[in-house]
Amino acid sequence: MAAERKKATVAVDINPATRTVATGTEVFTREVCARLPDAAPELHWRFFASRPRAGLGVDLVVLPFRRMWSQVRLPLHLAGERPNLLFVPAHAIPFAYAGNVLTVVHDLAFERHPDAYGFADRAYLKLSTRWAMTRSRLLIAVSESTKQDLVDIYGVAPGRVRVVPLGIAPPTVDPAPASRLSELGLNGNFVLQVGRVEARKNQAAALAAVERLDGVTLVIAGPERDHALSERLRNSTHARVLGMVDQPMLELLYKHAGAVVVPSLYEGFGLPVLEAMARGKVVVAAKSSSLPEVGGEAALYFHSSAGPDQLAHVLDVALGDHALRTRMARAARARAAKFTWDRTAAGVAAVIRELV
């Protein structure tokens, strides 16, 4: 016990990992936090959440609270514990917390594409991000692109930002039966897009490109945030909007997709690129923000400003050139293998060590 008390204590807001719907931030929190105790065993780790959640791989301290948990309940509790550092994987540092803090900036989409956010959400994101800039001696960015955004938009000194890329884990479930594709009417060639339906993800451009290709369908798997855009996609005979799908179904879609398209106008990191490459898929991505940084030479690119004809051409090449597909699949798997959650956790732990 004496040796344990000598360890510096790091409190972690693991609350995003307890949410039912897991997007990039939730996956990051879950995968990194599960590995932090092994990445830095010399530190004493305390993980806090507002609700229980099995399978996180850590000892969880549950502090029940209905609303404003991170801004009220967590800082009230930590005022008594007084850890050496509070690590917040999702950037919303408590305004009322006076201790040493570290946070992760995943993207500044609300600055680059403000129209995609409501007034209240945008105002809160601006306020909480500026507070994080003020309160954190160091910051973690998930890509060089996001680091540059912090420098350009908020004037953060480059030396305060540590870039720690995200990781990827091998699939842990088998694909659903192939008969499920027939049930969805997917009996021909299709390209897959994974992510929220919203203007920033640029599904409209993907649809316009696919409509120029014979016998190809655009399949979109992800929550429907922009209902008008969802309706427009559903009204096309060239698109299937599936909404959220379970992991076996997602693995089935990856397995049979002719290519994976990531036409986003902006991504803080671009996890869908990495997920597709890990499965050996040919990725066609926009040459914007962090996407080339993630895909490297293992993806095909188009310029989103060039219009749908260029994307249609790149998709046509990706679907039709067998030698290219074989070569790109091999390169994709090799590149994805460089991005692991163990490496991400080690990078986060290294920044935490700088602060404690």
Protein backbone atom coordinates (compact mmCIF):
# COMPACT_ATOMS: atom_id res chain seq x y z
CA MET A 1 0.00 0.00 0.00
CA ALA A 2 2.86 2.39 0.76
CA ALA A 3 4.30 1.81 -2.71
CA GLU A 4 0.87 2.41 -4.23
CA ARG A 5 0.45 5.71 -2.41
CA LYS A 6 3.75 6.96 -3.82
CA LYS A 7 2.50 6.63 -7.37
CA ALA A 8 1.24 9.74 -9.12
CA THR A 9 -2.53 9.45 -9.58
CA VAL A 10 -4.19 10.05 -12.94
CA ALA A 11 -7.97 10.44 -12.98
CA VAL A 12 -9.62 9.60 -16.31
CA ASP A 13 -13.03 10.69 -17.60
CA ILE A 14 -13.99 7.41 -19.30
CA ASN A 15 -17.66 8.37 -19.60
CA PRO A 16 -17.75 8.42 -23.45
CA ALA A 17 -16.85 4.71 -23.47
CA THR A 18 -20.08 3.90 -21.62
CA ARG A 19 -22.36 5.32 -24.33
CA THR A 20 -24.51 2.96 -26.37
CA VAL A 21 -23.67 4.50 -29.77
CA ALA A 22 -19.94 4.35 -30.44
CA THR A 23 -18.52 6.90 -32.88
CA GLY A 24 -14.86 7.85 -33.16
CA THR A 25 -14.57 9.58 -29.79
CA GLU A 26 -16.22 6.72 -27.94
CA VAL A 27 -14.03 4.12 -29.65
CA PHE A 28 -10.89 6.15 -28.88
CA THR A 29 -11.84 6.44 -25.21
CA ARG A 30 -12.62 2.74 -24.85
CA GLU A 31 -9.56 1.40 -26.67
CA VAL A 32 -7.00 3.79 -25.19
CA CYS A 33 -8.24 3.72 -21.60
CA ALA A 34 -8.24 -0.08 -21.52
CA ARG A 35 -4.52 0.00 -22.35
CA LEU A 36 -3.30 2.89 -20.22
CA PRO A 37 -2.59 0.87 -17.04
CA ASP A 38 -0.26 -1.41 -18.99
CA ALA A 39 1.25 1.48 -20.96
CA ALA A 40 2.20 3.30 -17.74
CA PRO A 41 2.14 0.86 -14.79
CA GLU A 42 4.17 3.30 -12.69
CA LEU A 43 1.07 5.52 -12.43
CA HIS A 44 -2.05 4.97 -10.33
CA TRP A 45 -5.09 5.06 -12.61
CA ARG A 46 -8.64 6.01 -11.54
CA PHE A 47 -11.43 5.71 -14.15
CA PHE A 48 -14.71 7.59 -13.64
CA ALA A 49 -18.08 7.43 -15.41
CA SER A 50 -21.69 8.38 -14.79
CA ARG A 51 -23.04 4.88 -15.45
CA PRO A 52 -21.77 1.30 -15.34
CA ARG A 53 -20.57 -0.49 -18.45
CA ALA A 54 -19.22 -4.04 -18.62
CA GLY A 55 -16.25 -5.03 -20.74
CA LEU A 56 -14.16 -1.86 -20.47
CA GLY A 57 -11.20 -3.74 -19.02
CA VAL A 58 -10.62 -1.31 -16.13
CA ASP A 59 -11.87 -0.83 -12.58
CA LEU A 60 -14.64 1.70 -13.00
CA VAL A 61 -15.77 4.20 -10.37
CA VAL A 62 -19.41 5.08 -11.07
CA LEU A 63 -20.62 8.51 -9.94
CA PRO A 64 -24.34 8.61 -10.86
CA PHE A 65 -25.65 11.95 -12.07
CA ARG A 66 -28.32 12.82 -14.65
CA ARG A 67 -27.12 15.97 -16.40
CA MET A 68 -23.87 17.94 -16.74
CA TRP A 69 -21.92 15.04 -15.21
CA SER A 70 -18.52 16.16 -16.52
CA GLN A 71 -19.10 19.77 -15.45
CA VAL A 72 -20.66 19.17 -12.01
CA ARG A 73 -20.41 15.67 -10.54
CA LEU A 74 -16.90 14.76 -11.68
CA PRO A 75 -15.13 17.97 -10.54
CA LEU A 76 -16.96 17.87 -7.20
CA HIS A 77 -15.65 14.37 -6.57
CA LEU A 78 -12.11 15.15 -7.76
CA ALA A 79 -11.92 18.16 -5.46
CA GLY A 80 -11.71 15.62 -2.63
CA GLU A 81 -9.38 13.13 -4.32
CA ARG A 82 -6.99 15.75 -5.75
CA PRO A 83 -5.29 13.60 -8.42
CA ASN A 84 -2.01 14.67 -9.99
CA LEU A 85 -3.70 14.90 -13.40
CA LEU A 86 -7.16 14.69 -14.95
CA PHE A 87 -7.11 13.13 -18.42
CA VAL A 88 -10.17 13.91 -20.57
CA PRO A 89 -10.17 11.92 -23.86
CA ALA A 90 -12.98 14.00 -25.38
CA HIS A 91 -11.81 17.62 -24.82
CA ALA A 92 -14.63 18.87 -22.50
CA ILE A 93 -12.57 19.89 -19.46
CA PRO A 94 -14.71 20.78 -16.41
CA PHE A 95 -14.93 24.55 -16.03
CA ALA A 96 -14.94 24.22 -12.24
CA TYR A 97 -11.85 22.01 -11.99
CA ALA A 98 -8.66 23.78 -10.93
CA GLY A 99 -6.17 20.91 -11.14
CA ASN A 100 -3.67 19.75 -13.76
CA VAL A 101 -5.45 18.62 -16.96
CA LEU A 102 -4.79 17.01 -20.33
CA THR A 103 -7.26 16.62 -23.16
CA VAL A 104 -7.48 15.33 -26.73
CA VAL A 105 -8.69 17.44 -29.66
CA HIS A 106 -10.25 15.15 -32.24
CA ASP A 107 -11.30 17.77 -34.79
CA LEU A 108 -12.40 21.37 -35.26
CA ALA A 109 -15.25 20.57 -37.66
CA PHE A 110 -17.48 23.08 -35.88
CA GLU A 111 -15.02 25.78 -36.98
CA ARG A 112 -14.39 24.51 -40.50
CA HIS A 113 -18.05 23.61 -41.20
CA PRO A 114 -20.20 25.58 -38.74
CA ASP A 115 -23.39 25.06 -40.77
CA ALA A 116 -23.39 21.40 -39.74
CA TYR A 117 -24.05 22.37 -36.11
CA GLY A 118 -26.91 24.01 -34.29
CA PHE A 119 -26.28 27.33 -32.57
CA ALA A 120 -26.20 25.88 -29.04
CA ASP A 121 -23.90 22.97 -29.96
CA ARG A 122 -21.52 25.25 -31.83
CA ALA A 123 -21.41 27.77 -28.99
CA TYR A 124 -20.67 25.07 -26.42
CA LEU A 125 -17.95 23.50 -28.59
CA LYS A 126 -16.29 26.87 -29.12
CA LEU A 127 -16.42 27.72 -25.43
CA SER A 128 -15.21 24.33 -24.20
CA THR A 129 -12.42 24.19 -26.78
CA ARG A 130 -11.15 27.65 -25.90
CA TRP A 131 -11.27 26.66 -22.23
CA ALA A 132 -9.22 23.54 -23.04
CA MET A 133 -6.66 25.73 -24.82
CA THR A 134 -6.42 27.93 -21.73
CA ARG A 135 -6.31 25.18 -19.10
CA SER A 136 -4.07 22.55 -20.71
CA ARG A 137 -0.33 23.04 -20.61
CA LEU A 138 -0.06 20.45 -23.38
CA LEU A 139 -2.67 19.22 -25.87
CA ILE A 140 -3.03 15.99 -27.81
CA ALA A 141 -4.18 16.18 -31.44
CA VAL A 142 -5.09 13.03 -33.36
CA SER A 143 -3.44 14.17 -36.60
CA GLU A 144 -1.03 16.74 -38.00
CA SER A 145 -4.03 18.25 -39.79
CA THR A 146 -5.86 18.83 -36.49
CA LYS A 147 -2.68 20.22 -34.95
CA GLN A 148 -2.44 22.72 -37.79
CA ASP A 149 -6.07 23.69 -37.23
CA LEU A 150 -5.27 24.43 -33.60
CA VAL A 151 -2.36 26.61 -34.69
CA ASP A 152 -4.26 28.40 -37.48
CA ILE A 153 -7.65 28.90 -35.79
CA TYR A 154 -6.79 29.25 -32.10
CA GLY A 155 -3.20 30.45 -32.29
CA VAL A 156 -1.89 27.57 -30.17
CA ALA A 157 1.91 27.40 -30.10
CA PRO A 158 2.98 24.31 -32.08
CA GLY A 159 5.27 23.22 -29.25
CA ARG A 160 2.26 22.72 -26.97
CA VAL A 161 0.64 20.11 -29.23
CA ARG A 162 1.58 16.43 -29.32
CA VAL A 163 0.24 14.40 -32.26
CA VAL A 164 -0.92 10.89 -31.34
CA PRO A 165 -2.64 9.07 -34.26
CA LEU A 166 -5.56 6.74 -33.69
CA GLY A 167 -5.33 2.96 -33.99
CA ILE A 168 -7.29 0.06 -35.38
CA ALA A 169 -8.20 -3.31 -33.92
CA PRO A 170 -8.73 -6.51 -35.95
CA PRO A 171 -12.38 -7.52 -36.39
CA THR A 172 -13.60 -9.68 -33.51
CA VAL A 173 -16.85 -10.94 -35.04
CA ASP A 174 -17.70 -12.94 -38.15
CA PRO A 175 -19.66 -11.37 -41.00
CA ALA A 176 -23.40 -11.89 -41.10
CA PRO A 177 -24.71 -14.49 -43.61
CA ALA A 178 -24.42 -13.39 -47.24
CA SER A 179 -28.18 -13.88 -47.61
CA ARG A 180 -28.61 -10.62 -45.69
CA LEU A 181 -27.35 -8.73 -48.76
CA SER A 182 -30.14 -10.19 -50.92
CA GLU A 183 -32.67 -9.15 -48.29
CA LEU A 184 -31.44 -5.57 -48.71
CA GLY A 185 -31.53 -5.81 -52.50
CA LEU A 186 -27.75 -5.68 -52.79
CA ASN A 187 -27.22 -8.31 -55.47
CA GLY A 188 -24.82 -6.30 -57.62
CA ASN A 189 -21.72 -4.18 -57.30
CA PHE A 190 -21.73 -1.58 -54.53
CA VAL A 191 -19.43 0.92 -52.86
CA LEU A 192 -19.65 1.44 -49.11
CA GLN A 193 -19.58 4.62 -47.06
CA VAL A 194 -19.49 4.33 -43.25
CA GLY A 195 -20.38 7.32 -41.11
CA ARG A 196 -23.05 9.80 -40.11
CA VAL A 197 -25.34 11.11 -42.83
CA GLU A 198 -24.56 14.83 -42.83
CA ALA A 199 -23.34 17.46 -45.26
CA ARG A 200 -19.73 17.34 -44.03
CA LYS A 201 -19.50 13.63 -44.89
CA ASN A 202 -20.39 14.60 -48.47
CA GLN A 203 -22.73 11.71 -49.30
CA ALA A 204 -24.31 13.93 -51.96
CA ALA A 205 -21.06 13.94 -53.95
CA ALA A 206 -20.71 10.18 -53.57
CA LEU A 207 -24.25 9.67 -54.87
CA ALA A 208 -23.72 12.01 -57.82
CA ALA A 209 -20.61 10.02 -58.77
CA VAL A 210 -22.25 6.61 -58.40
CA GLU A 211 -25.20 7.73 -60.53
CA ARG A 212 -22.70 8.11 -63.37
CA LEU A 213 -21.65 4.45 -63.11
CA ASP A 214 -23.67 1.58 -64.57
CA GLY A 215 -24.88 -1.08 -62.15
CA VAL A 216 -23.24 0.41 -59.03
CA THR A 217 -25.03 1.22 -55.77
CA LEU A 218 -23.92 3.50 -52.93
CA VAL A 219 -24.51 1.85 -49.53
CA ILE A 220 -24.38 4.11 -46.46
CA ALA A 221 -24.11 2.68 -42.94
CA GLY A 222 -24.31 5.12 -40.05
CA PRO A 223 -26.66 7.29 -37.99
CA GLU A 224 -28.85 9.75 -39.92
CA ARG A 225 -28.13 13.20 -38.58
CA ASP A 226 -29.29 15.23 -41.60
CA HIS A 227 -32.79 13.92 -42.32
CA ALA A 228 -33.27 16.00 -45.46
CA LEU A 229 -30.08 14.54 -46.94
CA SER A 230 -31.15 11.04 -45.86
CA GLU A 231 -34.45 11.50 -47.68
CA ARG A 232 -32.67 12.68 -50.81
CA LEU A 233 -30.43 9.61 -50.74
CA ARG A 234 -33.36 7.26 -50.14
CA ASN A 235 -35.19 8.69 -53.14
CA SER A 236 -32.36 7.61 -55.46
CA THR A 237 -32.44 4.16 -57.02
CA HIS A 238 -28.63 4.19 -56.78
CA ALA A 239 -28.44 4.42 -52.97
CA ARG A 240 -29.30 2.33 -49.91
CA VAL A 241 -29.37 4.10 -46.55
CA LEU A 242 -29.11 1.47 -43.82
CA GLY A 243 -28.79 3.62 -40.71
CA MET A 244 -26.87 2.08 -37.82
CA VAL A 245 -25.97 -1.58 -38.42
CA ASP A 246 -24.57 -4.15 -36.01
CA GLN A 247 -20.97 -5.33 -36.28
CA PRO A 248 -21.68 -8.63 -38.12
CA MET A 249 -23.64 -6.71 -40.75
CA LEU A 250 -20.90 -4.09 -41.06
CA GLU A 251 -18.30 -6.83 -41.56
CA LEU A 252 -20.50 -8.34 -44.28
CA LEU A 253 -20.72 -4.99 -46.06
CA TYR A 254 -16.95 -4.52 -45.86
CA LYS A 255 -16.37 -8.03 -47.17
CA HIS A 256 -18.51 -7.60 -50.29
CA ALA A 257 -18.03 -3.92 -51.08
CA GLY A 258 -16.24 -3.26 -54.36
CA ALA A 259 -14.61 -0.23 -52.74
CA VAL A 260 -14.99 2.03 -49.72
CA VAL A 261 -15.55 5.72 -50.41
CA VAL A 262 -14.67 8.47 -47.92
CA PRO A 263 -15.60 11.75 -49.63
CA SER A 264 -15.67 13.85 -46.44
CA LEU A 265 -15.01 17.56 -46.74
CA TYR A 266 -13.27 17.45 -43.37
CA GLU A 267 -12.10 14.78 -40.91
CA GLY A 268 -10.02 15.22 -37.78
CA PHE A 269 -8.45 11.82 -38.40
CA GLY A 270 -10.50 9.69 -40.77
CA LEU A 271 -11.01 6.43 -38.90
CA PRO A 272 -13.21 4.96 -41.70
CA VAL A 273 -10.16 5.05 -43.98
CA LEU A 274 -8.14 3.03 -41.50
CA GLU A 275 -10.96 0.57 -40.81
CA ALA A 276 -11.41 -0.13 -44.50
CA MET A 277 -7.68 -0.52 -45.16
CA ALA A 278 -7.36 -2.96 -42.26
CA ARG A 279 -9.84 -5.16 -44.11
CA GLY A 280 -7.90 -4.95 -47.35
CA LYS A 281 -10.39 -2.75 -49.16
CA VAL A 282 -9.60 -0.26 -51.91
CA VAL A 283 -10.27 3.16 -50.40
CA VAL A 284 -11.27 6.16 -52.50
CA ALA A 285 -10.93 9.29 -50.35
CA ALA A 286 -11.14 13.03 -50.73
CA LYS A 287 -7.79 14.78 -50.80
CA SER A 288 -8.73 16.95 -47.84
CA SER A 289 -7.84 17.55 -44.18
CA SER A 290 -6.34 14.46 -42.53
CA LEU A 291 -7.42 11.82 -45.06
CA PRO A 292 -4.19 11.71 -47.14
CA GLU A 293 -2.23 11.69 -43.89
CA VAL A 294 -3.99 8.49 -42.85
CA GLY A 295 -4.27 6.75 -46.22
CA GLY A 296 -0.79 7.60 -47.50
CA GLU A 297 -0.01 5.81 -50.75
CA ALA A 298 -2.39 2.97 -49.87
CA ALA A 299 -5.53 4.85 -50.98
CA LEU A 300 -6.83 6.51 -54.14
CA TYR A 301 -7.77 10.19 -53.99
CA PHE A 302 -9.95 12.76 -55.71
CA HIS A 303 -10.32 16.51 -55.26
CA SER A 304 -13.73 17.27 -53.78
CA SER A 305 -13.77 20.64 -55.57
CA ALA A 306 -13.42 18.96 -58.97
CA GLY A 307 -17.04 17.77 -59.14
CA PRO A 308 -18.59 14.30 -59.34
CA ASP A 309 -17.01 13.33 -62.67
CA GLN A 310 -13.55 12.97 -61.13
CA LEU A 311 -14.86 10.88 -58.23
CA ALA A 312 -16.83 8.74 -60.67
CA HIS A 313 -13.65 8.14 -62.70
CA VAL A 314 -11.60 7.14 -59.66
CA LEU A 315 -14.37 4.81 -58.45
CA ASP A 316 -14.60 3.26 -61.92
CA VAL A 317 -10.86 2.55 -61.87
CA ALA A 318 -11.05 1.16 -58.33
CA LEU A 319 -13.90 -1.19 -59.25
CA GLY A 320 -12.61 -2.32 -62.62
CA ASP A 321 -8.81 -2.68 -62.49
CA HIS A 322 -8.15 -6.11 -60.97
CA ALA A 323 -4.35 -5.72 -60.80
CA LEU A 324 -4.74 -2.34 -59.11
CA ARG A 325 -7.22 -3.79 -56.61
CA THR A 326 -4.83 -6.59 -55.67
CA ARG A 327 -1.92 -4.19 -55.25
CA MET A 328 -3.94 -1.64 -53.26
CA ALA A 329 -5.39 -4.31 -50.96
CA ARG A 330 -1.89 -5.47 -50.05
CA ALA A 331 -0.68 -1.90 -49.49
CA ALA A 332 -3.78 -1.06 -47.44
CA ARG A 333 -3.28 -3.94 -45.00
CA ALA A 334 0.41 -3.09 -44.62
CA ARG A 335 -0.31 0.56 -43.86
CA ALA A 336 -3.16 -0.19 -41.46
CA ALA A 337 -0.88 -2.53 -39.51
CA LYS A 338 1.21 0.50 -38.50
CA PHE A 339 -1.75 2.02 -36.64
CA THR A 340 -2.45 0.11 -33.43
CA TRP A 341 -4.29 1.05 -30.25
CA ASP A 342 -1.26 -0.11 -28.27
CA ARG A 343 0.80 2.52 -30.09
CA THR A 344 -1.88 5.15 -29.47
CA ALA A 345 -2.06 4.34 -25.76
CA ALA A 346 1.74 4.48 -25.52
CA GLY A 347 1.69 7.92 -27.16
CA VAL A 348 -0.97 9.20 -24.76
CA ALA A 349 0.93 7.76 -21.78
CA ALA A 350 4.09 9.55 -22.92
CA VAL A 351 2.30 12.92 -22.87
CA ILE A 352 0.82 12.14 -19.46
CA ARG A 353 4.32 11.42 -18.17
CA GLU A 354 5.42 14.87 -19.36
CA LEU A 355 2.76 16.43 -17.13
CA VAL A 356 3.12 14.33 -13.97
